[in-house]
Amino acid sequence: MDSVKAEEASALYHVVAMPYPGRSHINAMMNLCKILASKTNETINIDIIVTFVVTEEWLGFIGAKPKPDNICFATVPNVVPFELVRAADHNFFEAAMTELEAPFECLLDRLEPPATVILAKTNIWCWEAEEYPVGIVLANGCVFVHNLWTMDFEQTTVCHVVAMPYPGRGHINPISRSKKHRLLITFVVPEEWLSYIDSDPKPNIIRFASIPNVVPQERLKTADFPGFYEAVMTKMEAPFEELLDRLHRQLMLC
C-alpha cells in the first residue's frame, strides 16, 4: 500500500496569503505559512507552494528574511500610507479597506499556477464577504477563501465588550457592575449621563465613552416619555455606530 501511495502523483496546492499590512499581522500570517509549507508530500502526499502578498514597502522590510524555498513573495503597489507614518494617518485603515482590493485581484489573475486557496486577514476579506461568503470567482477559476483572525497576546486574553444601556438609571446601574476578569468594558452613555456617573467607583476593567446628547434631558423625560422613547429608538444608532468605528480604528492602529 505504501509503495502505491508513493507512486501516486502529489496534489499541488497554491496558497495565496494576504495579511493586513501591519507588522503583527504579517508576522502571524508568515508563521502560519511556514507551518503549511513544512507539510511535505512524504507525510500527506501533497505539494504546497505559498505566495505571500505584501506591499512593495513591506517587501523591503522582510524580503531578505529566511523562509522555506516553497514560499515566495509577490507585491501590490504602495496604495496605503507608509508604515513609518501610519500611526499619525487615520486614513490608513480606510486605505487598506478600499485601495488594496483592485491590485490584489489583478495579481490573483496573473498568478501561475492559479491560486487554490486564499488565506486572508478577516477584516481584509470583507471586500468580498457579502458577495462571496465562501469563495470568489476569478478569470482562472474558483478559489476557496479562508479567513484568518490574528490577535496579539493581550487580545487573546482580554475580551473587549462595548456596553450600551438604555439611558435610564434602572438600566445603567445593573450593567455597570460587571467584575468579570479578562474583560475590558467600554461603557457608552450620553454626555449628560457621563456627568452623573463619571465619578462613581467602578472596576478597573470599565472605562467610559460618550455619545452626544441626542435624547431629551433626564429631568425632562417624564414630561414627554413617548418623545424620549422615540428619540432613543431613532437618534442614538448613528452616533453609537460612529463610536464603534473609532474604537475599531484605534484597535487596528495598536
Protein backbone atom coordinates (compact mmCIF):
# COMPACT_ATOMS: atom_id res chain seq x y z
CA MET A 1 0.00 0.00 0.00
CA ASP A 2 2.82 2.42 0.86
CA SER A 3 4.52 1.79 -2.48
CA VAL A 4 1.30 2.54 -4.31
CA LYS A 5 0.95 5.85 -2.45
CA ALA A 6 4.49 6.82 -3.27
CA GLU A 7 3.83 6.32 -6.95
CA GLU A 8 0.72 8.47 -6.94
CA ALA A 9 1.16 11.99 -8.22
CA SER A 10 1.20 14.54 -5.44
CA ALA A 11 -1.58 17.10 -5.40
CA LEU A 12 -0.36 20.67 -5.81
CA TYR A 13 -1.92 23.36 -3.64
CA HIS A 14 -1.10 27.00 -4.30
CA VAL A 15 -1.82 29.04 -1.17
CA VAL A 16 -2.02 32.82 -1.57
CA ALA A 17 -1.67 34.66 1.75
CA MET A 18 -2.81 38.28 2.11
CA PRO A 19 -2.16 39.71 5.59
CA TYR A 20 -3.34 43.08 6.83
CA PRO A 21 -0.38 45.44 6.22
CA GLY A 22 0.87 45.71 9.82
CA ARG A 23 3.85 44.03 11.49
CA SER A 24 1.96 41.83 13.98
CA HIS A 25 -0.48 40.68 11.29
CA ILE A 26 2.29 39.95 8.77
CA ASN A 27 4.39 38.04 11.32
CA ALA A 28 1.46 35.89 12.39
CA MET A 29 0.46 35.11 8.80
CA MET A 30 4.05 34.25 7.87
CA ASN A 31 4.33 31.87 10.83
CA LEU A 32 1.20 30.07 9.66
CA CYS A 33 2.52 29.90 6.09
CA LYS A 34 5.79 28.36 7.30
CA ILE A 35 3.81 25.65 9.06
CA LEU A 36 1.81 24.97 5.90
CA ALA A 37 4.97 24.96 3.78
CA SER A 38 6.53 22.32 6.02
CA LYS A 39 3.80 19.79 5.16
CA THR A 40 5.71 17.70 2.64
CA ASN A 41 4.40 15.16 0.16
CA GLU A 42 6.15 12.40 2.13
CA THR A 43 3.73 12.90 5.01
CA ILE A 44 0.41 13.82 3.42
CA ASN A 45 1.09 13.28 -0.30
CA ILE A 46 0.66 16.90 -1.33
CA ASP A 47 2.92 19.68 -2.52
CA ILE A 48 2.27 23.16 -1.17
CA ILE A 49 3.59 26.42 -2.56
CA VAL A 50 2.80 29.72 -0.88
CA THR A 51 2.65 33.16 -2.46
CA PHE A 52 2.89 35.74 0.32
CA VAL A 53 1.42 39.08 -0.79
CA VAL A 54 2.66 42.34 0.72
CA THR A 55 3.03 45.94 -0.38
CA GLU A 56 6.27 46.96 -2.09
CA GLU A 57 7.27 48.82 1.08
CA TRP A 58 6.82 45.71 3.23
CA LEU A 59 8.82 43.59 0.80
CA GLY A 60 11.71 45.93 1.52
CA PHE A 61 11.33 45.19 5.23
CA ILE A 62 11.02 41.39 5.10
CA GLY A 63 12.22 40.30 1.66
CA ALA A 64 15.68 39.27 2.90
CA LYS A 65 14.48 37.27 5.89
CA PRO A 66 14.95 33.47 5.76
CA LYS A 67 11.96 31.42 4.64
CA PRO A 68 11.27 27.99 3.13
CA ASP A 69 12.01 27.59 -0.57
CA ASN A 70 8.34 26.94 -1.33
CA ILE A 71 7.30 30.37 -0.06
CA CYS A 72 7.72 33.26 -2.47
CA PHE A 73 6.79 36.92 -2.24
CA ALA A 74 4.50 38.89 -4.52
CA THR A 75 3.77 42.57 -4.21
CA VAL A 76 0.99 45.06 -4.71
CA PRO A 77 1.73 48.79 -5.12
CA ASN A 78 2.12 51.08 -2.10
CA VAL A 79 -1.51 52.21 -2.12
CA VAL A 80 -1.67 52.63 1.68
CA PRO A 81 0.23 55.23 3.77
CA PHE A 82 3.81 54.28 4.60
CA GLU A 83 4.45 52.22 7.73
CA LEU A 84 6.58 54.91 9.35
CA VAL A 85 3.74 57.45 9.30
CA ARG A 86 0.68 55.19 9.68
CA ALA A 87 0.20 55.99 13.38
CA ALA A 88 -0.31 59.65 12.50
CA ASP A 89 -2.51 58.96 9.47
CA HIS A 90 -6.06 57.99 10.40
CA ASN A 91 -6.75 57.20 6.73
CA PHE A 92 -4.56 54.08 6.87
CA PHE A 93 -7.39 51.71 7.77
CA GLU A 94 -9.68 53.23 5.15
CA ALA A 95 -6.96 52.89 2.52
CA ALA A 96 -6.39 49.25 3.45
CA MET A 97 -10.11 48.58 3.10
CA THR A 98 -10.57 50.40 -0.22
CA GLU A 99 -7.28 50.67 -2.14
CA LEU A 100 -5.77 47.16 -1.80
CA GLU A 101 -8.65 45.23 -3.35
CA ALA A 102 -8.13 46.09 -7.03
CA PRO A 103 -4.34 45.43 -7.23
CA PHE A 104 -4.74 42.22 -5.21
CA GLU A 105 -7.39 40.88 -7.60
CA CYS A 106 -5.20 41.81 -10.60
CA LEU A 107 -2.34 39.89 -9.00
CA LEU A 108 -4.57 36.85 -8.43
CA ASP A 109 -5.47 36.73 -12.12
CA ARG A 110 -1.76 36.79 -13.11
CA LEU A 111 -0.55 34.04 -10.78
CA GLU A 112 0.71 30.76 -12.23
CA PRO A 113 -0.23 28.19 -11.21
CA PRO A 114 -3.64 29.58 -10.26
CA ALA A 115 -4.44 30.01 -6.58
CA THR A 116 -6.06 27.03 -4.91
CA VAL A 117 -6.69 28.63 -1.52
CA ILE A 118 -6.56 32.21 -0.29
CA LEU A 119 -5.63 33.00 3.29
CA ALA A 120 -6.76 36.49 4.17
CA LYS A 121 -6.97 38.53 7.34
CA THR A 122 -10.62 38.62 8.38
CA ASN A 123 -11.08 42.37 8.02
CA ILE A 124 -9.18 42.41 4.69
CA TRP A 125 -11.51 39.82 3.18
CA CYS A 126 -14.56 41.96 3.98
CA TRP A 127 -14.02 43.22 0.40
CA GLU A 128 -15.77 40.13 -0.90
CA ALA A 129 -17.54 38.81 2.20
CA GLU A 130 -21.05 39.95 1.28
CA GLU A 131 -20.98 38.82 -2.34
CA TYR A 132 -18.80 35.73 -1.98
CA PRO A 133 -19.07 34.28 1.54
CA VAL A 134 -17.29 31.01 0.64
CA GLY A 135 -15.11 31.71 -2.39
CA ILE A 136 -14.51 34.09 -5.24
CA VAL A 137 -14.56 33.53 -8.97
CA LEU A 138 -11.57 34.76 -10.93
CA ALA A 139 -10.64 34.56 -14.59
CA ASN A 140 -8.74 31.34 -13.89
CA GLY A 141 -11.48 29.57 -11.95
CA CYS A 142 -12.98 29.20 -8.48
CA VAL A 143 -10.86 29.88 -5.42
CA PHE A 144 -11.75 28.97 -1.84
CA VAL A 145 -11.17 31.60 0.81
CA HIS A 146 -10.19 31.03 4.43
CA ASN A 147 -10.33 33.91 6.90
CA LEU A 148 -7.54 34.30 9.45
CA TRP A 149 -8.07 36.35 12.61
CA THR A 150 -4.64 37.11 14.01
CA MET A 151 -4.53 38.57 17.53
CA ASP A 152 -1.66 39.51 19.81
CA PHE A 153 -1.28 38.04 23.32
CA GLU A 154 -3.25 40.78 25.04
CA GLN A 155 -6.18 40.37 22.66
CA THR A 156 -6.30 36.61 23.14
CA THR A 157 -6.55 37.01 26.92
CA VAL A 158 -8.79 40.10 27.13
CA CYS A 159 -12.22 40.38 25.56
CA HIS A 160 -13.31 43.93 24.70
CA VAL A 161 -17.02 44.42 25.42
CA VAL A 162 -18.84 47.59 24.35
CA ALA A 163 -21.90 48.06 26.58
CA MET A 164 -24.72 50.38 25.53
CA PRO A 165 -27.52 50.51 28.15
CA TYR A 166 -30.89 52.15 27.70
CA PRO A 167 -30.38 55.72 29.02
CA GLY A 168 -32.13 55.38 32.36
CA ARG A 169 -30.77 54.81 35.88
CA GLY A 170 -32.51 51.47 36.35
CA HIS A 171 -30.87 50.20 33.17
CA ILE A 172 -27.44 51.83 33.57
CA ASN A 173 -26.72 50.75 37.17
CA PRO A 174 -27.05 46.95 36.72
CA ILE A 175 -24.97 46.78 33.55
CA SER A 176 -22.15 48.83 35.10
CA ARG A 177 -21.44 46.31 37.87
CA SER A 178 -19.60 43.62 35.92
CA LYS A 179 -16.41 42.41 37.62
CA LYS A 180 -15.50 39.57 35.29
CA HIS A 181 -11.78 39.13 34.82
CA ARG A 182 -10.24 39.10 31.33
CA LEU A 183 -12.73 41.70 30.17
CA LEU A 184 -12.26 45.28 29.04
CA ILE A 185 -15.59 47.07 29.04
CA THR A 186 -16.25 50.34 27.23
CA PHE A 187 -19.40 51.72 28.84
CA VAL A 188 -21.28 54.03 26.46
CA VAL A 189 -23.66 56.71 27.74
CA PRO A 190 -24.88 60.13 26.57
CA GLU A 191 -22.71 63.07 27.63
CA GLU A 192 -25.35 64.08 30.20
CA TRP A 193 -25.18 60.68 31.88
CA LEU A 194 -21.40 60.72 31.86
CA SER A 195 -21.54 63.81 34.07
CA TYR A 196 -23.74 61.87 36.53
CA ILE A 197 -21.69 58.68 36.85
CA ASP A 198 -18.13 59.53 35.81
CA SER A 199 -17.01 60.00 39.43
CA ASP A 200 -18.76 56.85 40.71
CA PRO A 201 -16.48 53.98 41.83
CA LYS A 202 -16.07 51.32 39.15
CA PRO A 203 -13.83 48.31 38.46
CA ASN A 204 -10.58 48.95 36.63
CA ILE A 205 -11.83 46.93 33.68
CA ILE A 206 -14.52 49.54 32.90
CA ARG A 207 -13.90 52.76 31.01
CA PHE A 208 -16.43 55.33 29.85
CA ALA A 209 -17.18 56.64 26.37
CA SER A 210 -19.90 59.07 25.43
CA ILE A 211 -22.15 59.94 22.53
CA PRO A 212 -23.83 63.34 22.04
CA ASN A 213 -27.00 64.26 23.94
CA VAL A 214 -29.39 63.25 21.17
CA VAL A 215 -32.21 62.39 23.57
CA PRO A 216 -34.14 64.80 25.85
CA GLN A 217 -32.52 65.57 29.20
CA GLU A 218 -33.13 63.11 32.03
CA ARG A 219 -35.06 65.62 34.16
CA LEU A 220 -37.46 66.33 31.28
CA LYS A 221 -38.11 62.82 30.01
CA THR A 222 -41.13 62.13 32.29
CA ALA A 223 -42.93 65.12 30.79
CA ASP A 224 -42.71 63.60 27.30
CA PHE A 225 -41.83 59.95 27.68
CA PRO A 226 -43.17 58.90 24.22
CA GLY A 227 -40.90 61.52 22.65
CA PHE A 228 -37.98 60.37 24.79
CA TYR A 229 -38.51 56.74 23.79
CA GLU A 230 -38.78 57.65 20.10
CA ALA A 231 -35.52 59.61 20.33
CA VAL A 232 -33.76 56.62 21.91
CA MET A 233 -35.00 54.35 19.14
CA THR A 234 -34.17 56.66 16.24
CA LYS A 235 -31.33 59.07 17.19
CA MET A 236 -28.81 57.01 19.17
CA GLU A 237 -27.91 54.47 16.50
CA ALA A 238 -25.83 56.75 14.24
CA PRO A 239 -23.55 58.25 16.94
CA PHE A 240 -23.14 54.80 18.51
CA GLU A 241 -22.02 53.30 15.19
CA GLU A 242 -19.57 56.19 14.71
CA LEU A 243 -18.13 55.47 18.15
CA LEU A 244 -17.77 51.77 17.34
CA ASP A 245 -15.92 52.69 14.16
CA ARG A 246 -13.49 54.90 16.10
CA LEU A 247 -12.87 52.15 18.64
CA HIS A 248 -12.16 49.68 15.86
CA ARG A 249 -9.72 52.05 14.18
CA GLN A 250 -7.87 52.52 17.46
CA LEU A 251 -7.58 48.75 17.81
CA MET A 252 -6.19 48.34 14.30
CA LEU A 253 -3.52 51.00 14.97
CA CYS A 254 -2.24 49.09 18.02
